[in-house]
Structure formats: C-alpha cells, structure tokens
Amino acid sequence: MYRIREKVDTVEESQTDIEIKDSEFLHAPIWFIEYQYQGSTYRVLLDGCTGQIITGDIPFGESTFPWVWLAAGAAIVIGILLILLL
C-alpha cells in the first residue's frame, strides 16, 4: 500500500492476494499462572515442557532477617562484656 501512495495521490481500491503453500504447527505449552501471597496478586509465565519460569513477579517485603542478626550480635557483645566485667 505504501508503494502505491508513492506513485499516486488517491487510492480508490487496493487488493492483495496471499497463497499459502505450506504450514507447520508449533506447540509451545506456556502456562500463565496467577497466585496470591499475603494479600497481593502475582503472575508467573512458566514453560510447560521444562517447568522453568520464563518470567514472573516475585513477592518481596520487609524481612526480619537483619533484625535477627542485629539481635544476635548484640547478645554476643553483651555476653562478652559480662564475662570480661565479672
């Protein structure tokens, strides 16, 4: 169509003929999974043949992990100080 417009100002009719001589069937099992975690909805795109995740949302939030290490470190320091002072 764009080549016709290079030659003329107004296109009154255009026709395209397509002939399909051969075709192949491609089966790609992809699963679209939607799940909820702690009140939020997440989506994952999964390869149905291998079970590998193609792409997806990862739930993340505030973790207590740093607080655990901070509390453990404080307990160790207090324990050492108590041993040294006694």
PDB file of N, CA and C in Angstrom:
ATOM      1  N   MET A   1       0.827  -1.192   0.000  1.00  0.00           N
ATOM      2  CA  MET A   1       0.000   0.000   0.000  1.00  0.00           C
ATOM      3  C   MET A   1       0.871   1.255   0.000  1.00  0.00           C
ATOM      4  N   TYR A   2       1.971   1.235   0.768  1.00  0.00           N
ATOM      5  CA  TYR A   2       2.805   2.436   0.841  1.00  0.00           C
ATOM      6  C   TYR A   2       3.497   2.700  -0.498  1.00  0.00           C
ATOM      7  N   ARG A   3       3.781   1.658  -1.294  1.00  0.00           N
ATOM      8  CA  ARG A   3       4.400   1.863  -2.612  1.00  0.00           C
ATOM      9  C   ARG A   3       3.412   2.481  -3.599  1.00  0.00           C
ATOM     10  N   ILE A   4       2.161   2.130  -3.458  1.00  0.00           N
ATOM     11  CA  ILE A   4       1.146   2.732  -4.323  1.00  0.00           C
ATOM     12  C   ILE A   4       1.062   4.227  -4.051  1.00  0.00           C
ATOM     13  N   ARG A   5       1.110   4.597  -2.780  1.00  0.00           N
ATOM     14  CA  ARG A   5       0.992   6.013  -2.422  1.00  0.00           C
ATOM     15  C   ARG A   5       2.176   6.841  -2.923  1.00  0.00           C
ATOM     16  N   GLU A   6       3.310   6.198  -3.197  1.00  0.00           N
ATOM     17  CA  GLU A   6       4.440   6.923  -3.773  1.00  0.00           C
ATOM     18  C   GLU A   6       4.148   7.361  -5.198  1.00  0.00           C
ATOM     19  N   LYS A   7       3.294   6.603  -5.903  1.00  0.00           N
ATOM     20  CA  LYS A   7       3.022   6.870  -7.319  1.00  0.00           C
ATOM     21  C   LYS A   7       1.777   7.722  -7.551  1.00  0.00           C
ATOM     22  N   VAL A   8       0.785   7.607  -6.661  1.00  0.00           N
ATOM     23  CA  VAL A   8      -0.486   8.311  -6.881  1.00  0.00           C
ATOM     24  C   VAL A   8      -0.878   9.099  -5.629  1.00  0.00           C
ATOM     25  N   ASP A   9      -1.817  10.038  -5.823  1.00  0.00           N
ATOM     26  CA  ASP A   9      -2.293  10.852  -4.703  1.00  0.00           C
ATOM     27  C   ASP A   9      -3.452  10.207  -3.958  1.00  0.00           C
ATOM     28  N   THR A  10      -4.346   9.529  -4.675  1.00  0.00           N
ATOM     29  CA  THR A  10      -5.531   8.941  -4.066  1.00  0.00           C
ATOM     30  C   THR A  10      -5.628   7.471  -4.454  1.00  0.00           C
ATOM     31  N   VAL A  11      -5.822   6.618  -3.471  1.00  0.00           N
ATOM     32  CA  VAL A  11      -6.004   5.197  -3.721  1.00  0.00           C
ATOM     33  C   VAL A  11      -7.492   4.906  -3.590  1.00  0.00           C
ATOM     34  N   GLU A  12      -8.102   4.438  -4.680  1.00  0.00           N
ATOM     35  CA  GLU A  12      -9.532   4.126  -4.650  1.00  0.00           C
ATOM     36  C   GLU A  12      -9.780   2.663  -4.330  1.00  0.00           C
ATOM     37  N   GLU A  13      -8.840   1.804  -4.705  1.00  0.00           N
ATOM     38  CA  GLU A  13      -9.000   0.383  -4.420  1.00  0.00           C
ATOM     39  C   GLU A  13      -7.626  -0.277  -4.400  1.00  0.00           C
ATOM     40  N   SER A  14      -7.459  -1.230  -3.492  1.00  0.00           N
ATOM     41  CA  SER A  14      -6.215  -1.984  -3.401  1.00  0.00           C
ATOM     42  C   SER A  14      -6.557  -3.422  -3.057  1.00  0.00           C
ATOM     43  N   GLN A  15      -5.839  -4.372  -3.672  1.00  0.00           N
ATOM     44  CA  GLN A  15      -6.127  -5.775  -3.435  1.00  0.00           C
ATOM     45  C   GLN A  15      -4.810  -6.523  -3.288  1.00  0.00           C
ATOM     46  N   THR A  16      -4.760  -7.436  -2.302  1.00  0.00           N
ATOM     47  CA  THR A  16      -3.587  -8.256  -2.070  1.00  0.00           C
ATOM     48  C   THR A  16      -4.008  -9.714  -2.061  1.00  0.00           C
ATOM     49  N   ASP A  17      -3.329 -10.518  -2.850  1.00  0.00           N
ATOM     50  CA  ASP A  17      -3.612 -11.956  -2.883  1.00  0.00           C
ATOM     51  C   ASP A  17      -2.492 -12.691  -2.168  1.00  0.00           C
ATOM     52  N   ILE A  18      -2.871 -13.564  -1.236  1.00  0.00           N
ATOM     53  CA  ILE A  18      -1.905 -14.369  -0.492  1.00  0.00           C
ATOM     54  C   ILE A  18      -2.197 -15.834  -0.758  1.00  0.00           C
ATOM     55  N   GLU A  19      -1.160 -16.580  -1.112  1.00  0.00           N
ATOM     56  CA  GLU A  19      -1.304 -18.011  -1.346  1.00  0.00           C
ATOM     57  C   GLU A  19      -0.403 -18.750  -0.357  1.00  0.00           C
ATOM     58  N   ILE A  20      -1.006 -19.577   0.491  1.00  0.00           N
ATOM     59  CA  ILE A  20      -0.253 -20.353   1.472  1.00  0.00           C
ATOM     60  C   ILE A  20       0.003 -21.724   0.893  1.00  0.00           C
ATOM     61  N   LYS A  21       1.287 -22.062   0.713  1.00  0.00           N
ATOM     62  CA  LYS A  21       1.638 -23.338   0.107  1.00  0.00           C
ATOM     63  C   LYS A  21       1.951 -24.404   1.140  1.00  0.00           C
ATOM     64  N   ASP A  22       2.473 -24.018   2.287  1.00  0.00           N
ATOM     65  CA  ASP A  22       2.862 -24.989   3.298  1.00  0.00           C
ATOM     66  C   ASP A  22       2.737 -24.341   4.668  1.00  0.00           C
ATOM     67  N   SER A  23       2.509 -25.142   5.665  1.00  0.00           N
ATOM     68  CA  SER A  23       2.427 -24.614   7.024  1.00  0.00           C
ATOM     69  C   SER A  23       2.953 -25.653   8.004  1.00  0.00           C
ATOM     70  N   GLU A  24       3.342 -25.180   9.172  1.00  0.00           N
ATOM     71  CA  GLU A  24       3.798 -26.054  10.243  1.00  0.00           C
ATOM     72  C   GLU A  24       3.056 -25.677  11.511  1.00  0.00           C
ATOM     73  N   PHE A  25       2.871 -26.683  12.352  1.00  0.00           N
ATOM     74  CA  PHE A  25       2.205 -26.459  13.627  1.00  0.00           C
ATOM     75  C   PHE A  25       3.272 -26.415  14.711  1.00  0.00           C
ATOM     76  N   LEU A  26       3.246 -25.372  15.475  1.00  0.00           N
ATOM     77  CA  LEU A  26       4.190 -25.227  16.582  1.00  0.00           C
ATOM     78  C   LEU A  26       3.395 -25.272  17.879  1.00  0.00           C
ATOM     79  N   HIS A  27       3.737 -26.222  18.725  1.00  0.00           N
ATOM     80  CA  HIS A  27       3.072 -26.344  20.022  1.00  0.00           C
ATOM     81  C   HIS A  27       4.053 -25.908  21.098  1.00  0.00           C
ATOM     82  N   ALA A  28       3.761 -24.819  21.735  1.00  0.00           N
ATOM     83  CA  ALA A  28       4.614 -24.307  22.803  1.00  0.00           C
ATOM     84  C   ALA A  28       3.753 -24.154  24.054  1.00  0.00           C
ATOM     85  N   PRO A  29       3.751 -25.179  24.915  1.00  0.00           N
ATOM     86  CA  PRO A  29       2.921 -25.087  26.118  1.00  0.00           C
ATOM     87  C   PRO A  29       3.490 -24.082  27.109  1.00  0.00           C
ATOM     88  N   ILE A  30       2.797 -22.996  27.237  1.00  0.00           N
ATOM     89  CA  ILE A  30       3.178 -21.953  28.191  1.00  0.00           C
ATOM     90  C   ILE A  30       2.015 -21.765  29.150  1.00  0.00           C
ATOM     91  N   TRP A  31       2.299 -21.820  30.423  1.00  0.00           N
ATOM     92  CA  TRP A  31       1.267 -21.661  31.436  1.00  0.00           C
ATOM     93  C   TRP A  31       1.336 -20.257  32.002  1.00  0.00           C
ATOM     94  N   PHE A  32       0.187 -19.621  32.070  1.00  0.00           N
ATOM     95  CA  PHE A  32       0.053 -18.323  32.713  1.00  0.00           C
ATOM     96  C   PHE A  32      -0.552 -18.580  34.086  1.00  0.00           C
ATOM     97  N   ILE A  33       0.220 -18.325  35.124  1.00  0.00           N
ATOM     98  CA  ILE A  33      -0.211 -18.631  36.487  1.00  0.00           C
ATOM     99  C   ILE A  33      -0.362 -17.333  37.260  1.00  0.00           C
ATOM    100  N   GLU A  34      -1.453 -17.234  37.971  1.00  0.00           N
ATOM    101  CA  GLU A  34      -1.701 -16.081  38.835  1.00  0.00           C
ATOM    102  C   GLU A  34      -1.953 -16.608  40.236  1.00  0.00           C
ATOM    103  N   TYR A  35      -1.234 -16.058  41.216  1.00  0.00           N
ATOM    104  CA  TYR A  35      -1.396 -16.536  42.581  1.00  0.00           C
ATOM    105  C   TYR A  35      -1.400 -15.357  43.548  1.00  0.00           C
ATOM    106  N   GLN A  36      -1.907 -15.626  44.748  1.00  0.00           N
ATOM    107  CA  GLN A  36      -1.958 -14.590  45.782  1.00  0.00           C
ATOM    108  C   GLN A  36      -1.046 -14.982  46.927  1.00  0.00           C
ATOM    109  N   TYR A  37      -0.338 -13.983  47.441  1.00  0.00           N
ATOM    110  CA  TYR A  37       0.554 -14.201  48.571  1.00  0.00           C
ATOM    111  C   TYR A  37       0.458 -12.988  49.469  1.00  0.00           C
ATOM    112  N   GLN A  38       0.054 -13.207  50.693  1.00  0.00           N
ATOM    113  CA  GLN A  38      -0.107 -12.163  51.706  1.00  0.00           C
ATOM    114  C   GLN A  38      -0.927 -10.986  51.182  1.00  0.00           C
ATOM    115  N   GLY A  39      -2.051 -11.311  50.509  1.00  0.00           N
ATOM    116  CA  GLY A  39      -2.992 -10.302  50.072  1.00  0.00           C
ATOM    117  C   GLY A  39      -2.660  -9.617  48.753  1.00  0.00           C
ATOM    118  N   SER A  40      -1.544  -9.942  48.126  1.00  0.00           N
ATOM    119  CA  SER A  40      -1.173  -9.355  46.839  1.00  0.00           C
ATOM    120  C   SER A  40      -1.215 -10.427  45.760  1.00  0.00           C
ATOM    121  N   THR A  41      -1.550 -10.023  44.521  1.00  0.00           N
ATOM    122  CA  THR A  41      -1.631 -10.945  43.402  1.00  0.00           C
ATOM    123  C   THR A  41      -0.358 -10.859  42.574  1.00  0.00           C
ATOM    124  N   TYR A  42       0.186 -12.017  42.199  1.00  0.00           N
ATOM    125  CA  TYR A  42       1.412 -12.102  41.409  1.00  0.00           C
ATOM    126  C   TYR A  42       1.166 -12.989  40.198  1.00  0.00           C
ATOM    127  N   ARG A  43       1.928 -12.759  39.116  1.00  0.00           N
ATOM    128  CA  ARG A  43       1.784 -13.536  37.885  1.00  0.00           C
ATOM    129  C   ARG A  43       3.118 -14.171  37.507  1.00  0.00           C
ATOM    130  N   VAL A  44       3.038 -15.395  36.950  1.00  0.00           N
ATOM    131  CA  VAL A  44       4.226 -16.124  36.512  1.00  0.00           C
ATOM    132  C   VAL A  44       3.945 -16.716  35.138  1.00  0.00           C
ATOM    133  N   LEU A  45       4.941 -16.657  34.259  1.00  0.00           N
ATOM    134  CA  LEU A  45       4.878 -17.291  32.948  1.00  0.00           C
ATOM    135  C   LEU A  45       5.819 -18.487  32.999  1.00  0.00           C
ATOM    136  N   LEU A  46       5.270 -19.701  32.799  1.00  0.00           N
ATOM    137  CA  LEU A  46       6.005 -20.938  33.033  1.00  0.00           C
ATOM    138  C   LEU A  46       6.072 -21.768  31.742  1.00  0.00           C
ATOM    139  N   ASP A  47       7.244 -22.313  31.437  1.00  0.00           N
ATOM    140  CA  ASP A  47       7.417 -23.216  30.299  1.00  0.00           C
ATOM    141  C   ASP A  47       6.817 -24.562  30.685  1.00  0.00           C
ATOM    142  N   GLY A  48       5.787 -24.989  29.970  1.00  0.00           N
ATOM    143  CA  GLY A  48       5.081 -26.218  30.307  1.00  0.00           C
ATOM    144  C   GLY A  48       5.872 -27.479  30.036  1.00  0.00           C
ATOM    145  N   CYS A  49       6.895 -27.415  29.185  1.00  0.00           N
ATOM    146  CA  CYS A  49       7.724 -28.604  28.890  1.00  0.00           C
ATOM    147  C   CYS A  49       8.771 -28.838  29.962  1.00  0.00           C
ATOM    148  N   THR A  50       9.475 -27.782  30.333  1.00  0.00           N
ATOM    149  CA  THR A  50      10.598 -27.933  31.266  1.00  0.00           C
ATOM    150  C   THR A  50      10.233 -27.591  32.708  1.00  0.00           C
ATOM    151  N   GLY A  51       9.178 -26.820  32.893  1.00  0.00           N
ATOM    152  CA  GLY A  51       8.807 -26.389  34.235  1.00  0.00           C
ATOM    153  C   GLY A  51       9.592 -25.176  34.707  1.00  0.00           C
ATOM    154  N   GLN A  52      10.414 -24.595  33.818  1.00  0.00           N
ATOM    155  CA  GLN A  52      11.198 -23.427  34.202  1.00  0.00           C
ATOM    156  C   GLN A  52      10.358 -22.167  34.098  1.00  0.00           C
ATOM    157  N   ILE A  53      10.638 -21.224  34.978  1.00  0.00           N
ATOM    158  CA  ILE A  53       9.946 -19.942  34.968  1.00  0.00           C
ATOM    159  C   ILE A  53      10.558 -19.076  33.875  1.00  0.00           C
ATOM    160  N   ILE A  54       9.722 -18.578  32.970  1.00  0.00           N
ATOM    161  CA  ILE A  54      10.177 -17.687  31.909  1.00  0.00           C
ATOM    162  C   ILE A  54      10.306 -16.276  32.462  1.00  0.00           C
ATOM    163  N   THR A  55       9.269 -15.820  33.104  1.00  0.00           N
ATOM    164  CA  THR A  55       9.285 -14.522  33.784  1.00  0.00           C
ATOM    165  C   THR A  55       8.192 -14.544  34.839  1.00  0.00           C
ATOM    166  N   GLY A  56       8.292 -13.662  35.801  1.00  0.00           N
ATOM    167  CA  GLY A  56       7.268 -13.640  36.827  1.00  0.00           C
ATOM    168  C   GLY A  56       7.519 -12.592  37.883  1.00  0.00           C
ATOM    169  N   ASP A  57       6.475 -12.300  38.623  1.00  0.00           N
ATOM    170  CA  ASP A  57       6.553 -11.362  39.741  1.00  0.00           C
ATOM    171  C   ASP A  57       7.042 -12.121  40.966  1.00  0.00           C
ATOM    172  N   ILE A  58       7.931 -11.499  41.705  1.00  0.00           N
ATOM    173  CA  ILE A  58       8.464 -12.114  42.913  1.00  0.00           C
ATOM    174  C   ILE A  58       7.945 -11.342  44.119  1.00  0.00           C
ATOM    175  N   PRO A  59       7.265 -12.023  45.047  1.00  0.00           N
ATOM    176  CA  PRO A  59       6.806 -11.320  46.236  1.00  0.00           C
ATOM    177  C   PRO A  59       7.985 -10.977  47.145  1.00  0.00           C
ATOM    178  N   PHE A  60       8.048  -9.750  47.539  1.00  0.00           N
ATOM    179  CA  PHE A  60       9.078  -9.355  48.490  1.00  0.00           C
ATOM    180  C   PHE A  60       8.480  -8.307  49.411  1.00  0.00           C
ATOM    181  N   GLY A  61       9.054  -8.196  50.552  1.00  0.00           N
ATOM    182  CA  GLY A  61       8.585  -7.246  51.535  1.00  0.00           C
ATOM    183  C   GLY A  61       9.640  -7.067  52.589  1.00  0.00           C
ATOM    184  N   GLU A  62       9.257  -6.444  53.662  1.00  0.00           N
ATOM    185  CA  GLU A  62      10.207  -6.248  54.738  1.00  0.00           C
ATOM    186  C   GLU A  62      10.475  -7.578  55.418  1.00  0.00           C
ATOM    187  N   SER A  63      11.733  -7.860  55.628  1.00  0.00           N
ATOM    188  CA  SER A  63      12.124  -9.117  56.241  1.00  0.00           C
ATOM    189  C   SER A  63      12.642  -8.864  57.655  1.00  0.00           C
ATOM    190  N   THR A  64      12.521  -9.862  58.490  1.00  0.00           N
ATOM    191  CA  THR A  64      13.047  -9.752  59.848  1.00  0.00           C
ATOM    192  C   THR A  64      14.487 -10.236  59.904  1.00  0.00           C
ATOM    193  N   PHE A  65      15.052 -10.690  58.787  1.00  0.00           N
ATOM    194  CA  PHE A  65      16.402 -11.253  58.752  1.00  0.00           C
ATOM    195  C   PHE A  65      17.452 -10.300  59.323  1.00  0.00           C
ATOM    196  N   PRO A  66      17.539  -9.014  58.934  1.00  0.00           N
ATOM    197  CA  PRO A  66      18.555  -8.130  59.522  1.00  0.00           C
ATOM    198  C   PRO A  66      18.360  -7.932  61.020  1.00  0.00           C
ATOM    199  N   TRP A  67      17.123  -7.914  61.464  1.00  0.00           N
ATOM    200  CA  TRP A  67      16.863  -7.717  62.894  1.00  0.00           C
ATOM    201  C   TRP A  67      17.342  -8.915  63.700  1.00  0.00           C
ATOM    202  N   VAL A  68      17.227 -10.104  63.139  1.00  0.00           N
ATOM    203  CA  VAL A  68      17.694 -11.311  63.836  1.00  0.00           C
ATOM    204  C   VAL A  68      19.201 -11.236  64.035  1.00  0.00           C
ATOM    205  N   TRP A  69      19.943 -10.860  62.968  1.00  0.00           N
ATOM    206  CA  TRP A  69      21.398 -10.759  63.077  1.00  0.00           C
ATOM    207  C   TRP A  69      21.820  -9.645  64.022  1.00  0.00           C
ATOM    208  N   LEU A  70      21.087  -8.547  64.013  1.00  0.00           N
ATOM    209  CA  LEU A  70      21.389  -7.434  64.921  1.00  0.00           C
ATOM    210  C   LEU A  70      21.183  -7.865  66.372  1.00  0.00           C
ATOM    211  N   ALA A  71      20.083  -8.574  66.629  1.00  0.00           N
ATOM    212  CA  ALA A  71      19.818  -9.044  67.992  1.00  0.00           C
ATOM    213  C   ALA A  71      20.857 -10.075  68.426  1.00  0.00           C
ATOM    214  N   ALA A  72      21.256 -10.972  67.516  1.00  0.00           N
ATOM    215  CA  ALA A  72      22.264 -11.979  67.860  1.00  0.00           C
ATOM    216  C   ALA A  72      23.608 -11.322  68.138  1.00  0.00           C
ATOM    217  N   GLY A  73      23.983 -10.342  67.340  1.00  0.00           N
ATOM    218  CA  GLY A  73      25.239  -9.622  67.551  1.00  0.00           C
ATOM    219  C   GLY A  73      25.246  -8.878  68.870  1.00  0.00           C
ATOM    220  N   ALA A  74      24.119  -8.228  69.199  1.00  0.00           N
ATOM    221  CA  ALA A  74      24.016  -7.506  70.463  1.00  0.00           C
ATOM    222  C   ALA A  74      24.122  -8.472  71.642  1.00  0.00           C
ATOM    223  N   ALA A  75      23.504  -9.644  71.512  1.00  0.00           N
ATOM    224  CA  ALA A  75      23.574 -10.638  72.592  1.00  0.00           C
ATOM    225  C   ALA A  75      25.000 -11.127  72.792  1.00  0.00           C
ATOM    226  N   ILE A  76      25.747 -11.320  71.716  1.00  0.00           N
ATOM    227  CA  ILE A  76      27.137 -11.769  71.820  1.00  0.00           C
ATOM    228  C   ILE A  76      28.002 -10.697  72.477  1.00  0.00           C
ATOM    229  N   VAL A  77      27.820  -9.455  72.051  1.00  0.00           N
ATOM    230  CA  VAL A  77      28.605  -8.357  72.631  1.00  0.00           C
ATOM    231  C   VAL A  77      28.302  -8.210  74.119  1.00  0.00           C
ATOM    232  N   ILE A  78      27.035  -8.286  74.496  1.00  0.00           N
ATOM    233  CA  ILE A  78      26.657  -8.180  75.911  1.00  0.00           C
ATOM    234  C   ILE A  78      27.235  -9.354  76.699  1.00  0.00           C
ATOM    235  N   GLY A  79      27.194 -10.546  76.104  1.00  0.00           N
ATOM    236  CA  GLY A  79      27.755 -11.721  76.776  1.00  0.00           C
ATOM    237  C   GLY A  79      29.255 -11.574  77.004  1.00  0.00           C
ATOM    238  N   ILE A  80      29.988 -11.082  76.013  1.00  0.00           N
ATOM    239  CA  ILE A  80      31.435 -10.882  76.159  1.00  0.00           C
ATOM    240  C   ILE A  80      31.731  -9.826  77.215  1.00  0.00           C
ATOM    241  N   LEU A  81      30.964  -8.743  77.208  1.00  0.00           N
ATOM    242  CA  LEU A  81      31.169  -7.692  78.198  1.00  0.00           C
ATOM    243  C   LEU A  81      30.907  -8.218  79.617  1.00  0.00           C
ATOM    244  N   LEU A  82      29.884  -9.029  79.784  1.00  0.00           N
ATOM    245  CA  LEU A  82      29.570  -9.594  81.091  1.00  0.00           C
ATOM    246  C   LEU A  82      30.697 -10.513  81.582  1.00  0.00           C
ATOM    247  N   ILE A  83      31.256 -11.299  80.651  1.00  0.00           N
ATOM    248  CA  ILE A  83      32.350 -12.208  81.022  1.00  0.00           C
ATOM    249  C   ILE A  83      33.583 -11.396  81.426  1.00  0.00           C
ATOM    250  N   LEU A  84      33.880 -10.330  80.687  1.00  0.00           N
ATOM    251  CA  LEU A  84      35.067  -9.508  80.980  1.00  0.00           C
ATOM    252  C   LEU A  84      34.900  -8.716  82.276  1.00  0.00           C
ATOM    253  N   LEU A  85      33.716  -8.289  82.584  1.00  0.00           N
ATOM    254  CA  LEU A  85      33.484  -7.484  83.794  1.00  0.00           C
ATOM    255  C   LEU A  85      33.413  -8.317  85.063  1.00  0.00           C
ATOM    256  N   LEU A  86      33.094  -9.599  84.944  1.00  0.00           N
ATOM    257  CA  LEU A  86      32.990 -10.437  86.129  1.00  0.00           C
ATOM    258  C   LEU A  86      34.320 -11.006  86.414  1.00  0.00           C
TER     259      LEU A  86
END
